[in-house]
C-alpha atoms as a PDB file:
ATOM      1  CA  MET A   1     -19.206   5.615  23.780  1.00  0.00           C
ATOM      2  CA  LYS A   2     -16.716   3.884  21.935  1.00  0.00           C
ATOM      3  CA  ARG A   3     -13.668   2.215  24.238  1.00  0.00           C
ATOM      4  CA  LEU A   4     -10.159   2.915  23.034  1.00  0.00           C
ATOM      5  CA  PRO A   5      -7.692   0.127  22.982  1.00  0.00           C
ATOM      6  CA  ASP A   6      -5.224  -0.516  26.058  1.00  0.00           C
ATOM      7  CA  LEU A   7      -1.880  -0.616  25.520  1.00  0.00           C
ATOM      8  CA  GLN A   8      -1.703  -4.277  25.089  1.00  0.00           C
ATOM      9  CA  GLN A   9      -3.990  -4.594  22.231  1.00  0.00           C
ATOM     10  CA  LEU A  10      -2.052  -1.729  20.729  1.00  0.00           C
ATOM     11  CA  LYS A  11       0.755  -3.648  20.846  1.00  0.00           C
ATOM     12  CA  GLN A  12      -0.912  -6.959  19.286  1.00  0.00           C
ATOM     13  CA  GLN A  13      -2.321  -4.139  16.646  1.00  0.00           C
ATOM     14  CA  LEU A  14       1.406  -3.304  15.676  1.00  0.00           C
ATOM     15  CA  VAL A  15       2.987  -6.731  15.277  1.00  0.00           C
ATOM     16  CA  GLN A  16       0.311  -8.217  13.645  1.00  0.00           C
ATOM     17  CA  HIS A  17       0.516  -4.867  10.951  1.00  0.00           C
ATOM     18  CA  TYR A  18       4.258  -5.109  10.611  1.00  0.00           C
ATOM     19  CA  LEU A  19       3.418  -9.133   9.732  1.00  0.00           C
ATOM     20  CA  TRP A  20       1.452  -7.806   7.119  1.00  0.00           C
ATOM     21  CA  LEU A  21       3.929  -5.708   5.579  1.00  0.00           C
ATOM     22  CA  ARG A  22       6.024  -8.411   5.388  1.00  0.00           C
ATOM     23  CA  GLN A  23       3.655 -11.051   3.917  1.00  0.00           C
ATOM     24  CA  TYR A  24       2.297  -8.366   1.529  1.00  0.00           C
ATOM     25  CA  GLY A  25       5.590  -7.566  -0.398  1.00  0.00           C
ATOM     26  CA  CYS A  26       6.047  -4.285   1.525  1.00  0.00           C
ATOM     27  CA  ASN A  27       9.048  -5.728   3.143  1.00  0.00           C
ATOM     28  CA  ASP A  28      11.567  -8.358   3.419  1.00  0.00           C
ATOM     29  CA  SER A  29      11.973 -10.400   6.547  1.00  0.00           C
ATOM     30  CA  HIS A  30      14.130  -7.875   8.593  1.00  0.00           C
ATOM     31  CA  SER A  31      13.376  -4.569   6.911  1.00  0.00           C
ATOM     32  CA  GLY A  32      11.158  -1.763   7.713  1.00  0.00           C
ATOM     33  CA  ASN A  33      10.607  -0.571  11.445  1.00  0.00           C
ATOM     34  CA  ALA A  34       6.764   0.453  13.062  1.00  0.00           C
ATOM     35  CA  SER A  35       5.562   2.234  15.836  1.00  0.00           C
ATOM     36  CA  PHE A  36       2.692   4.069  17.951  1.00  0.00           C
ATOM     37  CA  ARG A  37       2.379   6.338  20.284  1.00  0.00           C
ATOM     38  CA  TRP A  38       1.015   5.995  24.004  1.00  0.00           C
ATOM     39  CA  HIS A  39       1.110   9.135  26.109  1.00  0.00           C
ATOM     40  CA  ASP A  40       4.856  10.030  26.453  1.00  0.00           C
ATOM     41  CA  GLU A  41       5.860   6.557  25.146  1.00  0.00           C
ATOM     42  CA  VAL A  42       6.279   5.563  21.832  1.00  0.00           C
ATOM     43  CA  TRP A  43       6.918   1.652  21.217  1.00  0.00           C
ATOM     44  CA  VAL A  44       8.818   0.591  18.272  1.00  0.00           C
ATOM     45  CA  THR A  45       9.627  -2.522  16.434  1.00  0.00           C
ATOM     46  CA  PRO A  46      13.568  -3.214  17.412  1.00  0.00           C
ATOM     47  CA  SER A  47      16.051  -3.150  15.476  1.00  0.00           C
ATOM     48  CA  GLY A  48      17.012  -5.993  12.820  1.00  0.00           C
ATOM     49  CA  CYS A  49      13.683  -7.910  14.169  1.00  0.00           C
ATOM     50  CA  CYS A  50      12.417 -10.585  12.041  1.00  0.00           C
ATOM     51  CA  ALA A  51       8.481  -9.426  11.131  1.00  0.00           C
ATOM     52  CA  ASP A  52       7.539 -13.366  10.790  1.00  0.00           C
ATOM     53  CA  THR A  53       8.646 -13.865  14.647  1.00  0.00           C
ATOM     54  CA  LEU A  54       8.415 -10.554  16.170  1.00  0.00           C
ATOM     55  CA  THR A  55       5.941 -10.505  19.539  1.00  0.00           C
ATOM     56  CA  VAL A  56       4.780  -8.101  21.671  1.00  0.00           C
ATOM     57  CA  ASP A  57       7.130  -8.584  24.026  1.00  0.00           C
ATOM     58  CA  ASP A  58       9.725  -7.822  21.913  1.00  0.00           C
ATOM     59  CA  LEU A  59       8.999  -3.902  21.170  1.00  0.00           C
ATOM     60  CA  VAL A  60      10.876  -1.419  22.690  1.00  0.00           C
ATOM     61  CA  ARG A  61       9.931   1.326  24.813  1.00  0.00           C
ATOM     62  CA  CYS A  62      11.210   5.071  23.793  1.00  0.00           C
ATOM     63  CA  GLN A  63      10.451   8.030  25.149  1.00  0.00           C
ATOM     64  CA  LEU A  64       9.319  11.184  23.747  1.00  0.00           C
ATOM     65  CA  ASP A  65      12.113  13.222  24.909  1.00  0.00           C
ATOM     66  CA  GLY A  66      14.854  11.321  22.960  1.00  0.00           C
ATOM     67  CA  ILE A  67      15.624   8.653  25.921  1.00  0.00           C
ATOM     68  CA  LYS A  68      15.423   5.023  23.676  1.00  0.00           C
ATOM     69  CA  GLU A  69      15.671   1.516  25.312  1.00  0.00           C
ATOM     70  CA  GLU A  70      18.244  -0.673  24.132  1.00  0.00           C
ATOM     71  CA  GLY A  71      17.500  -2.602  21.353  1.00  0.00           C
ATOM     72  CA  ALA A  72      15.390   0.087  19.367  1.00  0.00           C
ATOM     73  CA  SER A  73      15.180   0.252  15.721  1.00  0.00           C
ATOM     74  CA  LEU A  74      17.875   2.162  13.827  1.00  0.00           C
ATOM     75  CA  ASP A  75      14.844   4.907  13.104  1.00  0.00           C
ATOM     76  CA  ALA A  76      13.518   4.964  16.586  1.00  0.00           C
ATOM     77  CA  ALA A  77      15.032   8.767  16.752  1.00  0.00           C
ATOM     78  CA  LEU A  78      12.884   9.494  13.292  1.00  0.00           C
ATOM     79  CA  HIS A  79       9.789   8.281  14.692  1.00  0.00           C
ATOM     80  CA  ILE A  80      10.337   9.986  17.872  1.00  0.00           C
ATOM     81  CA  GLU A  81      10.743  13.049  15.799  1.00  0.00           C
ATOM     82  CA  VAL A  82       7.614  12.738  13.539  1.00  0.00           C
ATOM     83  CA  TYR A  83       5.734  12.196  17.288  1.00  0.00           C
ATOM     84  CA  ARG A  84       7.190  15.363  18.292  1.00  0.00           C
ATOM     85  CA  GLU A  85       6.365  17.456  15.121  1.00  0.00           C
ATOM     86  CA  ASN A  86       3.138  15.917  14.688  1.00  0.00           C
ATOM     87  CA  PRO A  87       1.057  15.776  17.495  1.00  0.00           C
ATOM     88  CA  ALA A  88      -2.080  14.252  15.857  1.00  0.00           C
ATOM     89  CA  THR A  89       0.362  11.293  15.114  1.00  0.00           C
ATOM     90  CA  ARG A  90      -0.406   8.392  17.203  1.00  0.00           C
ATOM     91  CA  ALA A  91       1.552   5.619  14.634  1.00  0.00           C
ATOM     92  CA  VAL A  92       4.481   5.488  12.255  1.00  0.00           C
ATOM     93  CA  PHE A  93       4.697   2.694   9.419  1.00  0.00           C
ATOM     94  CA  HIS A  94       8.303   1.996   7.619  1.00  0.00           C
ATOM     95  CA  SER A  95       8.501   0.283   4.638  1.00  0.00           C
ATOM     96  CA  HIS A  96      10.577  -0.813   1.629  1.00  0.00           C
ATOM     97  CA  GLY A  97       8.077  -1.237  -1.156  1.00  0.00           C
ATOM     98  CA  PRO A  98       9.711  -1.909  -4.049  1.00  0.00           C
ATOM     99  CA  TYR A  99       7.461  -0.509  -6.670  1.00  0.00           C
ATOM    100  CA  ALA A 100       7.164   2.402  -4.666  1.00  0.00           C
ATOM    101  CA  VAL A 101      11.113   3.251  -4.133  1.00  0.00           C
ATOM    102  CA  ALA A 102      11.854   2.088  -7.960  1.00  0.00           C
ATOM    103  CA  MET A 103       9.159   4.558  -9.154  1.00  0.00           C
ATOM    104  CA  THR A 104      11.149   7.400  -7.291  1.00  0.00           C
ATOM    105  CA  LEU A 105      14.748   6.666  -7.563  1.00  0.00           C
ATOM    106  CA  ASN A 106      14.639   9.835  -9.781  1.00  0.00           C
ATOM    107  CA  GLY A 107      14.380  11.801  -6.598  1.00  0.00           C
ATOM    108  CA  GLU A 108      11.372  13.819  -8.167  1.00  0.00           C
ATOM    109  CA  SER A 109       7.907  13.910  -6.122  1.00  0.00           C
ATOM    110  CA  PHE A 110       5.674  10.970  -7.243  1.00  0.00           C
ATOM    111  CA  GLU A 111       2.147  11.540  -8.711  1.00  0.00           C
ATOM    112  CA  PRO A 112      -0.271   8.325  -8.555  1.00  0.00           C
ATOM    113  CA  VAL A 113      -1.843   7.334 -11.940  1.00  0.00           C
ATOM    114  CA  ASP A 114      -4.760   5.556 -10.062  1.00  0.00           C
ATOM    115  CA  PHE A 115      -7.571   6.809  -8.496  1.00  0.00           C
ATOM    116  CA  GLU A 116      -7.639   5.922  -4.984  1.00  0.00           C
ATOM    117  CA  GLY A 117      -3.644   7.096  -5.202  1.00  0.00           C
ATOM    118  CA  GLN A 118      -4.579  10.573  -6.334  1.00  0.00           C
ATOM    119  CA  TYR A 119      -7.544  10.557  -3.806  1.00  0.00           C
ATOM    120  CA  TYR A 120      -5.749  10.217  -0.525  1.00  0.00           C
ATOM    121  CA  PHE A 121      -2.066  11.698  -2.046  1.00  0.00           C
ATOM    122  CA  PRO A 122      -2.085  13.332  -5.366  1.00  0.00           C
ATOM    123  CA  THR A 123       1.386  14.456  -4.612  1.00  0.00           C
ATOM    124  CA  VAL A 124       4.043  12.218  -2.496  1.00  0.00           C
ATOM    125  CA  PRO A 125       6.798  14.221  -1.867  1.00  0.00           C
ATOM    126  CA  VAL A 126      10.170  12.645  -2.002  1.00  0.00           C
ATOM    127  CA  VAL A 127      13.412  14.049   0.075  1.00  0.00           C
ATOM    128  CA  LYS A 128      17.457  12.866  -0.924  1.00  0.00           C
ATOM    129  CA  ILE A 129      19.488  11.989   2.073  1.00  0.00           C
ATOM    130  CA  PRO A 130      22.613  10.910   1.567  1.00  0.00           C
ATOM    131  CA  TYR A 131      23.081   7.008   2.362  1.00  0.00           C
ATOM    132  CA  GLN A 132      25.829   7.859   4.712  1.00  0.00           C
ATOM    133  CA  ASP A 133      23.665  11.082   6.351  1.00  0.00           C
ATOM    134  CA  TYR A 134      20.668   8.869   6.896  1.00  0.00           C
ATOM    135  CA  VAL A 135      20.670   8.669  10.409  1.00  0.00           C
ATOM    136  CA  GLU A 136      21.421  12.276  11.236  1.00  0.00           C
ATOM    137  CA  LYS A 137      19.255  13.914   8.765  1.00  0.00           C
ATOM    138  CA  SER A 138      16.418  11.763   8.484  1.00  0.00           C
ATOM    139  CA  PRO A 139      14.368  12.664  11.631  1.00  0.00           C
ATOM    140  CA  LYS A 140      13.969  16.138  10.471  1.00  0.00           C
ATOM    141  CA  ALA A 141      13.501  15.379   7.127  1.00  0.00           C
ATOM    142  CA  VAL A 142      10.962  13.210   7.477  1.00  0.00           C
ATOM    143  CA  ALA A 143       9.002  14.866  10.422  1.00  0.00           C
ATOM    144  CA  ASN A 144       8.688  18.131   8.269  1.00  0.00           C
ATOM    145  CA  GLU A 145       7.121  16.166   5.461  1.00  0.00           C
ATOM    146  CA  LEU A 146       4.871  14.170   6.967  1.00  0.00           C
ATOM    147  CA  LYS A 147       3.121  17.689   8.687  1.00  0.00           C
ATOM    148  CA  THR A 148       1.494  18.157   5.243  1.00  0.00           C
ATOM    149  CA  HIS A 149       1.177  14.818   3.692  1.00  0.00           C
ATOM    150  CA  LYS A 150       0.296  11.619   4.550  1.00  0.00           C
ATOM    151  CA  VAL A 151       3.172   9.872   3.279  1.00  0.00           C
ATOM    152  CA  MET A 152       6.624  10.642   1.986  1.00  0.00           C
ATOM    153  CA  VAL A 153       9.881   8.381   0.204  1.00  0.00           C
ATOM    154  CA  VAL A 154      13.369   8.824   0.953  1.00  0.00           C
ATOM    155  CA  CYS A 155      14.837   7.986  -2.209  1.00  0.00           C
ATOM    156  CA  GLY A 156      16.537   5.308  -2.483  1.00  0.00           C
ATOM    157  CA  HIS A 157      15.073   3.474   0.941  1.00  0.00           C
ATOM    158  CA  GLY A 158      11.757   3.443   1.728  1.00  0.00           C
ATOM    159  CA  LEU A 159       8.679   4.933   2.715  1.00  0.00           C
ATOM    160  CA  TYR A 160       6.929   6.388   5.753  1.00  0.00           C
ATOM    161  CA  ALA A 161       3.450   7.156   6.892  1.00  0.00           C
ATOM    162  CA  GLY A 162       2.241   9.006  10.013  1.00  0.00           C
ATOM    163  CA  ALA A 163      -1.715   8.635  10.879  1.00  0.00           C
ATOM    164  CA  GLU A 164      -3.628   9.172  13.830  1.00  0.00           C
ATOM    165  CA  SER A 165      -4.092   5.183  14.281  1.00  0.00           C
ATOM    166  CA  ILE A 166      -1.871   2.043  13.320  1.00  0.00           C
ATOM    167  CA  ASN A 167      -4.689   0.545  10.818  1.00  0.00           C
ATOM    168  CA  GLN A 168      -4.595   3.875   8.797  1.00  0.00           C
ATOM    169  CA  ALA A 169      -0.801   4.543   8.930  1.00  0.00           C
ATOM    170  CA  TYR A 170      -0.658   1.058   7.462  1.00  0.00           C
ATOM    171  CA  LYS A 171      -3.340   1.572   5.069  1.00  0.00           C
ATOM    172  CA  TRP A 172      -1.451   4.597   3.602  1.00  0.00           C
ATOM    173  CA  ILE A 173       2.032   2.699   3.366  1.00  0.00           C
ATOM    174  CA  CYS A 174      -0.483  -0.067   1.190  1.00  0.00           C
ATOM    175  CA  SER A 175      -2.015   2.496  -0.763  1.00  0.00           C
ATOM    176  CA  LEU A 176       1.088   4.170  -1.956  1.00  0.00           C
ATOM    177  CA  GLU A 177       2.810   1.131  -2.527  1.00  0.00           C
ATOM    178  CA  LEU A 178      -0.175  -0.160  -4.947  1.00  0.00           C
ATOM    179  CA  SER A 179      -0.210   2.925  -6.563  1.00  0.00           C
ATOM    180  CA  ALA A 180       3.123   2.932  -7.482  1.00  0.00           C
ATOM    181  CA  LYS A 181       3.042  -0.747  -8.832  1.00  0.00           C
ATOM    182  CA  THR A 182      -0.223   0.382 -11.142  1.00  0.00           C
ATOM    183  CA  ALA A 183       2.121   3.483 -12.328  1.00  0.00           C
ATOM    184  CA  TRP A 184       5.067   0.865 -12.966  1.00  0.00           C
ATOM    185  CA  LEU A 185       2.579  -1.688 -14.940  1.00  0.00           C
ATOM    186  CA  ALA A 186       1.530   1.009 -16.722  1.00  0.00           C
ATOM    187  CA  GLN A 187       4.569   2.194 -18.125  1.00  0.00           C
ATOM    188  CA  GLN A 188       4.719  -1.468 -19.477  1.00  0.00           C
ATOM    189  CA  ILE A 189       2.238  -1.151 -21.935  1.00  0.00           C
END
């Protein structure tokens, strides 16, 4: 029988995967965010945290009912809404992958040209939210798209993935960024 990870293990996984997003160029030192659901709690990266120095003790606990502890990511309400609207989701990742952001600045859905991208997500929805309305409108918009898609993009801002595990959400973010990079390189030929 497979043993499920405990809370401390999940925290360590989240910190490690968030650091990898930085190390592999999907985020700068202080961008993006990530979370996991633990029963009725949502553990999220803190606002403005540095991926290079983040520790498990820095993660901020929020509640599915919307209560957020001080210091939670600006996107904490978005993460909570994704979990509310998508009960099977156990992890949410947000990155600023430069290729995916660049390839979707036109506001149109992104269709990967590579095999893996087509296999995992043949169409990636892109939603336009005026920057000044992002905090207010992004929770519903992102949660709605993640009901039927593994990944989505907020135009000019970044990528979001929801999955049943931390590793899976990380995989979707990385796969989308690589598909966008491949598409960008193909355009250069």
